[in-house]
Amino acid sequence: MCKVTGGSNYYMGREIKTAHAGLNISGGDWKKNMRYLAQALDRCKVPQKEKEEVLAIVENMKRDIVEN
């Protein structure tokens, strides 16, 4: 998430799709996670515009994470 939001490009882990394969992450799981992320951004007082930008970037990763 750091990399796709403009943070450090240094990452030695697996690709996102490979890392989440077989975890059976559902659409419902995804929605809960997005809700938690939005709440965390609110608690950190991230301005609305930037919050929406981060949520949109993360939403683009959904197809590589959600399996069912």
Protein backbone atom coordinates (compact mmCIF):
# COMPACT_ATOMS: atom_id res chain seq x y z
CA MET A 1 0.00 0.00 0.00
CA CYS A 2 2.88 2.34 0.74
CA LYS A 3 4.27 2.00 -2.77
CA VAL A 4 0.97 2.62 -4.59
CA THR A 5 0.31 5.72 -2.51
CA GLY A 6 3.66 7.28 -3.37
CA GLY A 7 5.79 5.90 -0.56
CA SER A 8 9.01 3.97 -0.71
CA ASN A 9 9.56 1.70 -3.69
CA TYR A 10 11.70 -0.64 -1.58
CA TYR A 11 9.70 -3.84 -1.09
CA MET A 12 11.06 -7.36 -1.07
CA GLY A 13 7.79 -9.24 -0.59
CA ARG A 14 5.71 -11.21 -3.04
CA GLU A 15 3.43 -9.66 -5.65
CA ILE A 16 0.03 -8.73 -4.23
CA LYS A 17 -1.90 -11.35 -6.20
CA THR A 18 0.49 -14.14 -5.18
CA ALA A 19 0.52 -13.03 -1.55
CA HIS A 20 -3.28 -13.21 -1.29
CA ALA A 21 -3.91 -16.29 -3.45
CA GLY A 22 -5.72 -19.06 -1.62
CA LEU A 23 -6.76 -16.89 1.32
CA ASN A 24 -10.40 -16.93 0.16
CA ILE A 25 -10.86 -13.23 0.80
CA SER A 26 -14.47 -12.39 0.02
CA GLY A 27 -16.17 -9.23 -1.17
CA GLY A 28 -17.55 -8.84 2.36
CA ASP A 29 -14.05 -9.10 3.82
CA TRP A 30 -12.93 -6.45 1.37
CA LYS A 31 -15.73 -4.07 2.35
CA LYS A 32 -14.89 -4.45 6.04
CA ASN A 33 -11.22 -3.76 5.37
CA MET A 34 -12.04 -0.67 3.34
CA ARG A 35 -14.30 0.56 6.13
CA TYR A 36 -11.49 0.04 8.69
CA LEU A 37 -9.05 1.87 6.45
CA ALA A 38 -11.44 4.81 6.07
CA GLN A 39 -11.90 4.93 9.86
CA ALA A 40 -8.13 4.88 10.41
CA LEU A 41 -7.66 7.74 7.96
CA ASP A 42 -10.39 9.68 9.77
CA ARG A 43 -8.74 9.07 13.17
CA CYS A 44 -5.48 10.37 11.74
CA LYS A 45 -7.34 13.46 10.47
CA VAL A 46 -6.37 12.86 6.85
CA PRO A 47 -8.12 15.55 4.77
CA GLN A 48 -11.13 14.31 2.76
CA LYS A 49 -9.50 14.79 -0.65
CA GLU A 50 -6.42 12.78 0.29
CA LYS A 51 -8.57 10.16 2.03
CA GLU A 52 -10.60 9.66 -1.15
CA GLU A 53 -7.39 9.40 -3.19
CA VAL A 54 -5.96 6.70 -0.91
CA LEU A 55 -9.23 4.75 -0.89
CA ALA A 56 -9.41 4.89 -4.69
CA ILE A 57 -5.84 3.65 -5.05
CA VAL A 58 -6.45 0.77 -2.65
CA GLU A 59 -9.76 -0.06 -4.36
CA ASN A 60 -7.80 -0.64 -7.58
CA MET A 61 -6.00 -3.51 -5.83
CA LYS A 62 -9.28 -5.36 -5.16
CA ARG A 63 -9.15 -7.53 -8.28
CA ASP A 64 -5.80 -8.97 -7.15
CA ILE A 65 -6.97 -9.70 -3.59
CA VAL A 66 -10.65 -10.75 -3.59
CA GLU A 67 -11.24 -14.32 -4.75
CA ASN A 68 -14.95 -14.86 -4.16
